[in-house]
Amino acid sequence: MKHPVVVVSGGLSHQRDVSLKSGRTVAQALRRAGHTVVETDVDAGLVPTLLGTEGLVAFPMLHGGVGEDGALPEVLRLLGIPYVGSGPATCRVSFDKSIATRIVAGAGVTTPRQAALPHDIFRELGAVELVKALTERIGLPLIVKPARGGSSLGVTKVTDAADLPQAMATAYAYDDMVVIEQFITGTELAIGMLTTREGTEVLPAVEIRPASGVYDYASMYTAGETRLTAPADITETQAQAAAEMARTVQQTLDLNGISRVDAIIDEHGRPVFLEAGVAPGMTGTSLVPVGMRAAGVDLAEVCSRLVSDAAHDA
């Protein structure tokens, strides 16, 4: 039985345009698999649409905001609507890098040195002493980024302590909690995972080489700005270690459906965890589709299987 599907995309986050493209990609894949698909935004018409069709499954493709912070899955559970993806608690934890990193580190995964500061503390206590403490504790260079968000919006690499206050201000424009962490030099990877009732398939790691040296928003979504290679140009031992790390993160955070772990192979050959995503992009320049193609995985088949799983578990 091919269940009808409502693909939810758009929303009001900074990643609205990317979400709409991801939603369209998934909707087209589901139609190829024989599903009746309705594409909808997060607005006053969403709940009537969800309640108006018997036997439907929701397929959230929202990035940031209510898409990845657990809000929409919480609503779907309240409404009794089966949906594809991770549960509300998993979404909330994964969405906040200041929390996810500590939980993953507790599972034995290597993570960067990190600190997290809310805007009011940084403002009230004064930047001078905090900047000094941050650079002494974490070291330079470092990365400053919003604790909650995606598409590398508000992310800055800092090589001079004098630039740290401005980097903090840039990140605070996107979130009132900011993460400051050690900059890890090495090979940057994105590791996609497909978790179904049959288990988790770890896709080949995608190697990310941005021309600018930092994988920011422009590097992500501007054609030609980043070279993506899958499988990544790393040793077999490193590839296995990265896959094992991703699987540990999946189990620790209880990631479901389509997810992604970002990591760097450091100078010692170790995979270092950066962050996890419960709703990775599915656009033409997104990372998980590159890994799927490298594995010979068909998007339509995967999406249809996830819909069937969600309906079965309802």
C-alpha atoms as a PDB file:
ATOM      1  CA  MET A   1       0.000   0.000   0.000  1.00  0.00           C
ATOM      2  CA  LYS A   2       1.294   3.425  -1.011  1.00  0.00           C
ATOM      3  CA  HIS A   3       0.318   5.799   1.790  1.00  0.00           C
ATOM      4  CA  PRO A   4      -0.513   9.405   0.894  1.00  0.00           C
ATOM      5  CA  VAL A   5       2.215  11.784   2.085  1.00  0.00           C
ATOM      6  CA  VAL A   6       2.271  15.398   3.190  1.00  0.00           C
ATOM      7  CA  VAL A   7       5.733  16.900   2.692  1.00  0.00           C
ATOM      8  CA  VAL A   8       6.180  19.871   5.018  1.00  0.00           C
ATOM      9  CA  SER A   9       8.789  22.440   3.972  1.00  0.00           C
ATOM     10  CA  GLY A  10       9.426  26.163   4.058  1.00  0.00           C
ATOM     11  CA  GLY A  11       8.784  27.573   7.509  1.00  0.00           C
ATOM     12  CA  LEU A  12      10.080  30.881   8.825  1.00  0.00           C
ATOM     13  CA  SER A  13      13.721  30.048   9.614  1.00  0.00           C
ATOM     14  CA  HIS A  14      16.732  31.563   7.858  1.00  0.00           C
ATOM     15  CA  GLN A  15      16.886  28.359   5.819  1.00  0.00           C
ATOM     16  CA  ARG A  16      13.409  28.657   4.298  1.00  0.00           C
ATOM     17  CA  ASP A  17      14.603  28.669   0.677  1.00  0.00           C
ATOM     18  CA  VAL A  18      16.797  25.615   1.186  1.00  0.00           C
ATOM     19  CA  SER A  19      13.924  23.818   2.919  1.00  0.00           C
ATOM     20  CA  LEU A  20      11.578  24.474   0.003  1.00  0.00           C
ATOM     21  CA  LYS A  21      14.117  22.980  -2.418  1.00  0.00           C
ATOM     22  CA  SER A  22      14.653  19.955  -0.163  1.00  0.00           C
ATOM     23  CA  GLY A  23      10.911  19.459   0.137  1.00  0.00           C
ATOM     24  CA  ARG A  24      10.448  19.578  -3.612  1.00  0.00           C
ATOM     25  CA  THR A  25      13.215  16.977  -4.111  1.00  0.00           C
ATOM     26  CA  VAL A  26      11.612  14.569  -1.627  1.00  0.00           C
ATOM     27  CA  ALA A  27       8.101  15.164  -2.994  1.00  0.00           C
ATOM     28  CA  GLN A  28       9.248  14.364  -6.518  1.00  0.00           C
ATOM     29  CA  ALA A  29      10.997  11.202  -5.304  1.00  0.00           C
ATOM     30  CA  LEU A  30       7.870  10.026  -3.498  1.00  0.00           C
ATOM     31  CA  ARG A  31       5.736  10.626  -6.577  1.00  0.00           C
ATOM     32  CA  ARG A  32       8.168   8.521  -8.608  1.00  0.00           C
ATOM     33  CA  ALA A  33       7.643   5.783  -6.021  1.00  0.00           C
ATOM     34  CA  GLY A  34       3.872   5.945  -6.607  1.00  0.00           C
ATOM     35  CA  HIS A  35       2.723   8.009  -3.624  1.00  0.00           C
ATOM     36  CA  THR A  36       0.102  10.725  -3.712  1.00  0.00           C
ATOM     37  CA  VAL A  37       1.929  13.769  -2.344  1.00  0.00           C
ATOM     38  CA  VAL A  38       0.781  17.127  -1.022  1.00  0.00           C
ATOM     39  CA  GLU A  39       3.406  19.815  -0.449  1.00  0.00           C
ATOM     40  CA  THR A  40       2.597  22.301   2.289  1.00  0.00           C
ATOM     41  CA  ASP A  41       4.162  25.084   4.334  1.00  0.00           C
ATOM     42  CA  VAL A  42       4.002  25.683   8.077  1.00  0.00           C
ATOM     43  CA  ASP A  43       0.958  27.920   8.264  1.00  0.00           C
ATOM     44  CA  ALA A  44      -2.673  27.961   9.372  1.00  0.00           C
ATOM     45  CA  GLY A  45      -3.557  25.418   6.694  1.00  0.00           C
ATOM     46  CA  LEU A  46      -1.134  22.745   7.904  1.00  0.00           C
ATOM     47  CA  VAL A  47      -3.263  21.111  10.620  1.00  0.00           C
ATOM     48  CA  PRO A  48      -6.448  20.905   8.479  1.00  0.00           C
ATOM     49  CA  THR A  49      -4.335  19.392   5.682  1.00  0.00           C
ATOM     50  CA  LEU A  50      -2.858  16.802   8.048  1.00  0.00           C
ATOM     51  CA  LEU A  51      -6.236  15.875   9.526  1.00  0.00           C
ATOM     52  CA  GLY A  52      -8.061  15.909   6.225  1.00  0.00           C
ATOM     53  CA  THR A  53      -6.680  12.729   4.672  1.00  0.00           C
ATOM     54  CA  GLU A  54      -7.030   9.296   6.184  1.00  0.00           C
ATOM     55  CA  GLY A  55      -3.932   7.128   6.419  1.00  0.00           C
ATOM     56  CA  LEU A  56      -1.448   9.848   5.518  1.00  0.00           C
ATOM     57  CA  VAL A  57       2.154  10.121   6.688  1.00  0.00           C
ATOM     58  CA  ALA A  58       3.918  13.446   7.266  1.00  0.00           C
ATOM     59  CA  PHE A  59       7.426  13.908   5.863  1.00  0.00           C
ATOM     60  CA  PRO A  60       8.987  17.006   7.469  1.00  0.00           C
ATOM     61  CA  MET A  61      11.724  18.655   5.391  1.00  0.00           C
ATOM     62  CA  LEU A  62      12.147  21.776   7.493  1.00  0.00           C
ATOM     63  CA  HIS A  63      15.636  23.108   8.243  1.00  0.00           C
ATOM     64  CA  GLY A  64      16.221  25.139  11.394  1.00  0.00           C
ATOM     65  CA  GLY A  65      13.533  26.513  13.692  1.00  0.00           C
ATOM     66  CA  VAL A  66      10.434  24.383  14.116  1.00  0.00           C
ATOM     67  CA  GLY A  67      11.862  21.800  11.739  1.00  0.00           C
ATOM     68  CA  GLU A  68      14.863  20.692  13.738  1.00  0.00           C
ATOM     69  CA  ASP A  69      14.105  21.863  17.279  1.00  0.00           C
ATOM     70  CA  GLY A  70      11.464  19.194  17.885  1.00  0.00           C
ATOM     71  CA  ALA A  71       8.440  21.508  17.683  1.00  0.00           C
ATOM     72  CA  LEU A  72       6.811  20.016  14.591  1.00  0.00           C
ATOM     73  CA  PRO A  73       7.353  16.357  15.613  1.00  0.00           C
ATOM     74  CA  GLU A  74       5.785  17.255  18.970  1.00  0.00           C
ATOM     75  CA  VAL A  75       2.715  18.634  17.212  1.00  0.00           C
ATOM     76  CA  LEU A  76       2.513  15.623  14.906  1.00  0.00           C
ATOM     77  CA  ARG A  77       2.542  13.310  17.922  1.00  0.00           C
ATOM     78  CA  LEU A  78      -0.195  15.347  19.589  1.00  0.00           C
ATOM     79  CA  LEU A  79      -2.302  15.038  16.448  1.00  0.00           C
ATOM     80  CA  GLY A  80      -1.628  11.322  16.105  1.00  0.00           C
ATOM     81  CA  ILE A  81      -0.039  11.783  12.667  1.00  0.00           C
ATOM     82  CA  PRO A  82       2.706   9.280  11.790  1.00  0.00           C
ATOM     83  CA  TYR A  83       5.818  11.009  10.488  1.00  0.00           C
ATOM     84  CA  VAL A  84       9.257  10.311   9.070  1.00  0.00           C
ATOM     85  CA  GLY A  85      12.296  11.307  11.103  1.00  0.00           C
ATOM     86  CA  SER A  86      13.615  11.596  14.627  1.00  0.00           C
ATOM     87  CA  GLY A  87      11.518  12.136  17.736  1.00  0.00           C
ATOM     88  CA  PRO A  88      11.064  15.492  19.496  1.00  0.00           C
ATOM     89  CA  ALA A  89      13.666  14.886  22.212  1.00  0.00           C
ATOM     90  CA  THR A  90      16.293  13.758  19.709  1.00  0.00           C
ATOM     91  CA  CYS A  91      15.598  16.839  17.596  1.00  0.00           C
ATOM     92  CA  ARG A  92      15.943  19.205  20.544  1.00  0.00           C
ATOM     93  CA  VAL A  93      19.234  17.694  21.680  1.00  0.00           C
ATOM     94  CA  SER A  94      20.783  17.426  18.213  1.00  0.00           C
ATOM     95  CA  PHE A  95      19.715  20.942  17.241  1.00  0.00           C
ATOM     96  CA  ASP A  96      21.661  22.492  20.136  1.00  0.00           C
ATOM     97  CA  LYS A  97      25.366  22.010  19.423  1.00  0.00           C
ATOM     98  CA  SER A  98      26.296  23.001  22.971  1.00  0.00           C
ATOM     99  CA  ILE A  99      24.297  20.030  24.304  1.00  0.00           C
ATOM    100  CA  ALA A 100      24.818  17.442  21.549  1.00  0.00           C
ATOM    101  CA  THR A 101      28.605  17.773  21.654  1.00  0.00           C
ATOM    102  CA  ARG A 102      28.726  17.025  25.373  1.00  0.00           C
ATOM    103  CA  ILE A 103      26.402  14.035  25.099  1.00  0.00           C
ATOM    104  CA  VAL A 104      28.383  12.582  22.207  1.00  0.00           C
ATOM    105  CA  ALA A 105      31.644  13.158  24.061  1.00  0.00           C
ATOM    106  CA  GLY A 106      30.176  11.196  26.969  1.00  0.00           C
ATOM    107  CA  ALA A 107      29.779   8.240  24.612  1.00  0.00           C
ATOM    108  CA  GLY A 108      33.511   8.224  23.960  1.00  0.00           C
ATOM    109  CA  VAL A 109      33.519  10.157  20.683  1.00  0.00           C
ATOM    110  CA  THR A 110      36.344  12.660  20.119  1.00  0.00           C
ATOM    111  CA  THR A 111      35.031  16.261  20.084  1.00  0.00           C
ATOM    112  CA  PRO A 112      36.670  19.713  19.901  1.00  0.00           C
ATOM    113  CA  ARG A 113      37.321  21.836  22.990  1.00  0.00           C
ATOM    114  CA  GLN A 114      34.185  23.925  23.320  1.00  0.00           C
ATOM    115  CA  ALA A 115      32.439  26.612  25.349  1.00  0.00           C
ATOM    116  CA  ALA A 116      28.916  28.020  25.056  1.00  0.00           C
ATOM    117  CA  LEU A 117      27.817  31.485  26.119  1.00  0.00           C
ATOM    118  CA  PRO A 118      24.359  33.096  26.092  1.00  0.00           C
ATOM    119  CA  HIS A 119      24.119  36.630  24.753  1.00  0.00           C
ATOM    120  CA  ASP A 120      23.105  38.258  28.040  1.00  0.00           C
ATOM    121  CA  ILE A 121      26.138  36.832  29.896  1.00  0.00           C
ATOM    122  CA  PHE A 122      28.542  37.961  27.175  1.00  0.00           C
ATOM    123  CA  ARG A 123      26.968  41.433  27.176  1.00  0.00           C
ATOM    124  CA  GLU A 124      26.703  41.918  30.931  1.00  0.00           C
ATOM    125  CA  LEU A 125      30.089  40.543  31.978  1.00  0.00           C
ATOM    126  CA  GLY A 126      32.001  42.382  29.282  1.00  0.00           C
ATOM    127  CA  ALA A 127      33.800  41.046  26.259  1.00  0.00           C
ATOM    128  CA  VAL A 128      37.412  41.831  27.202  1.00  0.00           C
ATOM    129  CA  GLU A 129      37.920  39.285  29.982  1.00  0.00           C
ATOM    130  CA  LEU A 130      35.729  36.661  28.318  1.00  0.00           C
ATOM    131  CA  VAL A 131      37.629  36.968  25.048  1.00  0.00           C
ATOM    132  CA  LYS A 132      40.891  36.485  26.926  1.00  0.00           C
ATOM    133  CA  ALA A 133      39.539  33.441  28.780  1.00  0.00           C
ATOM    134  CA  LEU A 134      38.106  31.888  25.626  1.00  0.00           C
ATOM    135  CA  THR A 135      41.293  32.226  23.607  1.00  0.00           C
ATOM    136  CA  GLU A 136      43.415  30.882  26.487  1.00  0.00           C
ATOM    137  CA  ARG A 137      41.128  27.916  27.141  1.00  0.00           C
ATOM    138  CA  ILE A 138      40.274  26.943  23.570  1.00  0.00           C
ATOM    139  CA  GLY A 139      43.195  28.377  21.624  1.00  0.00           C
ATOM    140  CA  LEU A 140      43.459  29.998  18.211  1.00  0.00           C
ATOM    141  CA  PRO A 141      42.274  29.556  15.568  1.00  0.00           C
ATOM    142  CA  LEU A 142      38.738  28.837  16.689  1.00  0.00           C
ATOM    143  CA  ILE A 143      35.250  28.657  15.235  1.00  0.00           C
ATOM    144  CA  VAL A 144      32.308  30.738  16.449  1.00  0.00           C
ATOM    145  CA  LYS A 145      28.787  29.611  15.538  1.00  0.00           C
ATOM    146  CA  PRO A 146      25.179  29.796  16.704  1.00  0.00           C
ATOM    147  CA  ALA A 147      24.368  26.919  19.058  1.00  0.00           C
ATOM    148  CA  ARG A 148      21.140  26.265  17.187  1.00  0.00           C
ATOM    149  CA  GLY A 149      20.929  26.610  13.444  1.00  0.00           C
ATOM    150  CA  GLY A 150      22.177  25.168  10.212  1.00  0.00           C
ATOM    151  CA  SER A 151      23.582  25.835   6.736  1.00  0.00           C
ATOM    152  CA  SER A 152      26.610  27.370   8.515  1.00  0.00           C
ATOM    153  CA  LEU A 153      24.772  30.684   8.894  1.00  0.00           C
ATOM    154  CA  GLY A 154      26.532  33.003  11.340  1.00  0.00           C
ATOM    155  CA  VAL A 155      29.706  30.890  11.392  1.00  0.00           C
ATOM    156  CA  THR A 156      33.108  32.641  11.556  1.00  0.00           C
ATOM    157  CA  LYS A 157      36.674  31.346  11.746  1.00  0.00           C
ATOM    158  CA  VAL A 158      38.733  33.496  14.118  1.00  0.00           C
ATOM    159  CA  THR A 159      42.533  33.621  13.894  1.00  0.00           C
ATOM    160  CA  ASP A 160      43.062  36.855  15.861  1.00  0.00           C
ATOM    161  CA  ALA A 161      41.593  37.414  19.339  1.00  0.00           C
ATOM    162  CA  ALA A 162      40.726  40.984  18.345  1.00  0.00           C
ATOM    163  CA  ASP A 163      38.193  39.608  15.852  1.00  0.00           C
ATOM    164  CA  LEU A 164      36.375  37.433  18.382  1.00  0.00           C
ATOM    165  CA  PRO A 165      33.840  40.049  19.626  1.00  0.00           C
ATOM    166  CA  GLN A 166      32.631  40.725  16.066  1.00  0.00           C
ATOM    167  CA  ALA A 167      32.390  36.995  15.360  1.00  0.00           C
ATOM    168  CA  MET A 168      30.305  36.613  18.514  1.00  0.00           C
ATOM    169  CA  ALA A 169      28.033  39.460  17.416  1.00  0.00           C
ATOM    170  CA  THR A 170      27.571  37.814  14.020  1.00  0.00           C
ATOM    171  CA  ALA A 171      26.577  34.514  15.620  1.00  0.00           C
ATOM    172  CA  TYR A 172      24.259  36.218  18.135  1.00  0.00           C
ATOM    173  CA  ALA A 173      22.311  37.624  15.191  1.00  0.00           C
ATOM    174  CA  TYR A 174      21.098  34.057  14.587  1.00  0.00           C
ATOM    175  CA  ASP A 175      20.787  32.701  18.131  1.00  0.00           C
ATOM    176  CA  ASP A 176      21.065  33.942  21.708  1.00  0.00           C
ATOM    177  CA  MET A 177      23.397  31.027  22.545  1.00  0.00           C
ATOM    178  CA  VAL A 178      26.773  30.851  20.818  1.00  0.00           C
ATOM    179  CA  VAL A 179      29.314  28.027  20.668  1.00  0.00           C
ATOM    180  CA  ILE A 180      33.029  28.773  20.576  1.00  0.00           C
ATOM    181  CA  GLU A 181      35.134  25.757  19.725  1.00  0.00           C
ATOM    182  CA  GLN A 182      38.582  24.641  18.731  1.00  0.00           C
ATOM    183  CA  PHE A 183      39.269  24.812  14.991  1.00  0.00           C
ATOM    184  CA  ILE A 184      40.276  21.343  13.846  1.00  0.00           C
ATOM    185  CA  THR A 185      42.604  21.164  10.853  1.00  0.00           C
ATOM    186  CA  GLY A 186      42.097  18.184   8.601  1.00  0.00           C
ATOM    187  CA  THR A 187      39.761  16.577   6.095  1.00  0.00           C
ATOM    188  CA  GLU A 188      36.151  17.664   6.523  1.00  0.00           C
ATOM    189  CA  LEU A 189      33.520  14.948   6.099  1.00  0.00           C
ATOM    190  CA  ALA A 190      29.756  14.618   5.971  1.00  0.00           C
ATOM    191  CA  ILE A 191      28.451  11.154   6.774  1.00  0.00           C
ATOM    192  CA  GLY A 192      24.848  10.467   5.833  1.00  0.00           C
ATOM    193  CA  MET A 193      22.810   7.742   7.495  1.00  0.00           C
ATOM    194  CA  LEU A 194      19.554   6.025   6.596  1.00  0.00           C
ATOM    195  CA  THR A 195      17.797   4.511   9.606  1.00  0.00           C
ATOM    196  CA  THR A 196      14.840   2.255   8.881  1.00  0.00           C
ATOM    197  CA  ARG A 197      13.162  -0.618  10.702  1.00  0.00           C
ATOM    198  CA  GLU A 198      15.911  -2.838   9.286  1.00  0.00           C
ATOM    199  CA  GLY A 199      18.680  -0.827  10.949  1.00  0.00           C
ATOM    200  CA  THR A 200      21.066   1.966  10.021  1.00  0.00           C
ATOM    201  CA  GLU A 201      22.967   2.165   6.752  1.00  0.00           C
ATOM    202  CA  VAL A 202      25.990   4.458   6.965  1.00  0.00           C
ATOM    203  CA  LEU A 203      26.622   6.046   3.579  1.00  0.00           C
ATOM    204  CA  PRO A 204      30.104   6.648   2.143  1.00  0.00           C
ATOM    205  CA  ALA A 205      31.647   9.750   3.717  1.00  0.00           C
ATOM    206  CA  VAL A 206      31.554  12.844   1.511  1.00  0.00           C
ATOM    207  CA  GLU A 207      34.760  14.890   1.533  1.00  0.00           C
ATOM    208  CA  ILE A 208      34.194  18.653   1.584  1.00  0.00           C
ATOM    209  CA  ARG A 209      36.812  20.984   0.127  1.00  0.00           C
ATOM    210  CA  PRO A 210      35.560  24.601   0.049  1.00  0.00           C
ATOM    211  CA  ALA A 211      37.578  27.014  -2.066  1.00  0.00           C
ATOM    212  CA  SER A 212      37.419  29.603   0.738  1.00  0.00           C
ATOM    213  CA  GLY A 213      38.775  27.186   3.333  1.00  0.00           C
ATOM    214  CA  VAL A 214      35.602  27.444   5.437  1.00  0.00           C
ATOM    215  CA  TYR A 215      32.371  25.599   4.596  1.00  0.00           C
ATOM    216  CA  ASP A 216      30.011  28.546   5.098  1.00  0.00           C
ATOM    217  CA  TYR A 217      26.613  29.339   3.552  1.00  0.00           C
ATOM    218  CA  ALA A 218      28.109  30.701   0.316  1.00  0.00           C
ATOM    219  CA  SER A 219      30.324  27.634  -0.045  1.00  0.00           C
ATOM    220  CA  MET A 220      27.323  25.352   0.513  1.00  0.00           C
ATOM    221  CA  TYR A 221      24.934  26.832  -1.992  1.00  0.00           C
ATOM    222  CA  THR A 222      27.089  28.492  -4.668  1.00  0.00           C
ATOM    223  CA  ALA A 223      27.886  26.177  -7.557  1.00  0.00           C
ATOM    224  CA  GLY A 224      31.613  25.634  -7.995  1.00  0.00           C
ATOM    225  CA  GLU A 225      32.604  26.999  -4.577  1.00  0.00           C
ATOM    226  CA  THR A 226      33.073  23.581  -3.000  1.00  0.00           C
ATOM    227  CA  ARG A 227      34.415  20.291  -4.310  1.00  0.00           C
ATOM    228  CA  LEU A 228      32.573  17.244  -2.975  1.00  0.00           C
ATOM    229  CA  THR A 229      34.133  13.787  -3.262  1.00  0.00           C
ATOM    230  CA  ALA A 230      32.435  10.519  -2.356  1.00  0.00           C
ATOM    231  CA  PRO A 231      33.775   8.235  -1.140  1.00  0.00           C
ATOM    232  CA  ALA A 232      36.152  10.618   0.621  1.00  0.00           C
ATOM    233  CA  ASP A 233      39.849  10.493  -0.265  1.00  0.00           C
ATOM    234  CA  ILE A 234      40.918   9.004   3.074  1.00  0.00           C
ATOM    235  CA  THR A 235      42.409   5.664   4.105  1.00  0.00           C
ATOM    236  CA  GLU A 236      40.240   2.614   4.592  1.00  0.00           C
ATOM    237  CA  THR A 237      41.089   2.669   8.311  1.00  0.00           C
ATOM    238  CA  GLN A 238      39.979   6.303   8.579  1.00  0.00           C
ATOM    239  CA  ALA A 239      36.806   5.591   6.615  1.00  0.00           C
ATOM    240  CA  GLN A 240      35.917   2.715   8.940  1.00  0.00           C
ATOM    241  CA  ALA A 241      36.637   4.855  12.023  1.00  0.00           C
ATOM    242  CA  ALA A 242      34.442   7.651  10.653  1.00  0.00           C
ATOM    243  CA  ALA A 243      31.595   5.223   9.918  1.00  0.00           C
ATOM    244  CA  GLU A 244      31.867   3.706  13.409  1.00  0.00           C
ATOM    245  CA  MET A 245      31.841   7.188  14.947  1.00  0.00           C
ATOM    246  CA  ALA A 246      28.724   8.099  12.959  1.00  0.00           C
ATOM    247  CA  ARG A 247      26.999   4.910  14.068  1.00  0.00           C
ATOM    248  CA  THR A 248      27.851   5.665  17.700  1.00  0.00           C
ATOM    249  CA  VAL A 249      26.375   9.148  17.335  1.00  0.00           C
ATOM    250  CA  GLN A 250      23.234   7.689  15.730  1.00  0.00           C
ATOM    251  CA  GLN A 251      22.755   5.287  18.614  1.00  0.00           C
ATOM    252  CA  THR A 252      23.604   7.852  21.299  1.00  0.00           C
ATOM    253  CA  LEU A 253      21.252  10.537  19.995  1.00  0.00           C
ATOM    254  CA  ASP A 254      18.663   8.032  18.640  1.00  0.00           C
ATOM    255  CA  LEU A 255      18.676   9.527  15.142  1.00  0.00           C
ATOM    256  CA  ASN A 256      16.012   8.155  12.806  1.00  0.00           C
ATOM    257  CA  GLY A 257      15.131   8.451   9.130  1.00  0.00           C
ATOM    258  CA  ILE A 258      17.625  10.487   7.091  1.00  0.00           C
ATOM    259  CA  SER A 259      20.351  12.061   9.226  1.00  0.00           C
ATOM    260  CA  ARG A 260      23.896  13.326   8.916  1.00  0.00           C
ATOM    261  CA  VAL A 261      27.012  13.591  11.062  1.00  0.00           C
ATOM    262  CA  ASP A 262      29.686  16.167  10.264  1.00  0.00           C
ATOM    263  CA  ALA A 263      33.260  15.380  11.250  1.00  0.00           C
ATOM    264  CA  ILE A 264      36.896  16.127  10.526  1.00  0.00           C
ATOM    265  CA  ILE A 265      39.732  13.635  10.189  1.00  0.00           C
ATOM    266  CA  ASP A 266      42.386  15.407  12.254  1.00  0.00           C
ATOM    267  CA  GLU A 267      46.178  15.369  11.950  1.00  0.00           C
ATOM    268  CA  HIS A 268      46.285  12.149  13.980  1.00  0.00           C
ATOM    269  CA  GLY A 269      43.882  10.396  11.604  1.00  0.00           C
ATOM    270  CA  ARG A 270      41.015  10.434  14.124  1.00  0.00           C
ATOM    271  CA  PRO A 271      37.439  11.401  13.244  1.00  0.00           C
ATOM    272  CA  VAL A 272      36.418  14.405  15.368  1.00  0.00           C
ATOM    273  CA  PHE A 273      32.672  15.001  15.774  1.00  0.00           C
ATOM    274  CA  LEU A 274      31.385  18.459  14.816  1.00  0.00           C
ATOM    275  CA  GLU A 275      27.593  18.190  14.773  1.00  0.00           C
ATOM    276  CA  ALA A 276      24.602  16.032  13.877  1.00  0.00           C
ATOM    277  CA  GLY A 277      21.609  16.931  11.737  1.00  0.00           C
ATOM    278  CA  VAL A 278      18.141  15.377  11.969  1.00  0.00           C
ATOM    279  CA  ALA A 279      16.936  17.043   8.745  1.00  0.00           C
ATOM    280  CA  PRO A 280      19.860  17.370   6.338  1.00  0.00           C
ATOM    281  CA  GLY A 281      19.429  19.251   3.077  1.00  0.00           C
ATOM    282  CA  MET A 282      18.301  17.334   0.026  1.00  0.00           C
ATOM    283  CA  THR A 283      18.987  19.972  -2.646  1.00  0.00           C
ATOM    284  CA  GLY A 284      21.120  19.577  -5.740  1.00  0.00           C
ATOM    285  CA  THR A 285      24.219  20.760  -3.846  1.00  0.00           C
ATOM    286  CA  SER A 286      23.451  18.981  -0.561  1.00  0.00           C
ATOM    287  CA  LEU A 287      25.744  16.394   1.002  1.00  0.00           C
ATOM    288  CA  VAL A 288      23.544  13.391   1.801  1.00  0.00           C
ATOM    289  CA  PRO A 289      22.331  12.983  -1.818  1.00  0.00           C
ATOM    290  CA  VAL A 290      26.008  12.865  -2.891  1.00  0.00           C
ATOM    291  CA  GLY A 291      26.631  10.048  -0.412  1.00  0.00           C
ATOM    292  CA  MET A 292      23.492   8.246  -1.587  1.00  0.00           C
ATOM    293  CA  ARG A 293      24.629   8.364  -5.194  1.00  0.00           C
ATOM    294  CA  ALA A 294      28.045   7.014  -4.191  1.00  0.00           C
ATOM    295  CA  ALA A 295      26.321   4.098  -2.461  1.00  0.00           C
ATOM    296  CA  GLY A 296      24.002   3.458  -5.400  1.00  0.00           C
ATOM    297  CA  VAL A 297      20.980   4.223  -3.223  1.00  0.00           C
ATOM    298  CA  ASP A 298      17.764   5.377  -4.870  1.00  0.00           C
ATOM    299  CA  LEU A 299      16.135   8.343  -3.114  1.00  0.00           C
ATOM    300  CA  ALA A 300      12.632   7.350  -4.161  1.00  0.00           C
ATOM    301  CA  GLU A 301      13.056   3.867  -2.716  1.00  0.00           C
ATOM    302  CA  VAL A 302      14.485   5.200   0.563  1.00  0.00           C
ATOM    303  CA  CYS A 303      11.754   7.804   1.044  1.00  0.00           C
ATOM    304  CA  SER A 304       9.024   5.290   0.288  1.00  0.00           C
ATOM    305  CA  ARG A 305      10.503   2.798   2.750  1.00  0.00           C
ATOM    306  CA  LEU A 306      10.637   5.464   5.456  1.00  0.00           C
ATOM    307  CA  VAL A 307       6.992   6.334   4.837  1.00  0.00           C
ATOM    308  CA  SER A 308       6.019   2.666   5.137  1.00  0.00           C
ATOM    309  CA  ASP A 309       7.990   2.374   8.387  1.00  0.00           C
ATOM    310  CA  ALA A 310       6.292   5.429   9.858  1.00  0.00           C
ATOM    311  CA  ALA A 311       2.842   4.110   8.962  1.00  0.00           C
ATOM    312  CA  HIS A 312       3.678   0.680  10.370  1.00  0.00           C
ATOM    313  CA  ASP A 313       4.875   2.137  13.672  1.00  0.00           C
ATOM    314  CA  ALA A 314       1.856   4.423  14.125  1.00  0.00           C
END
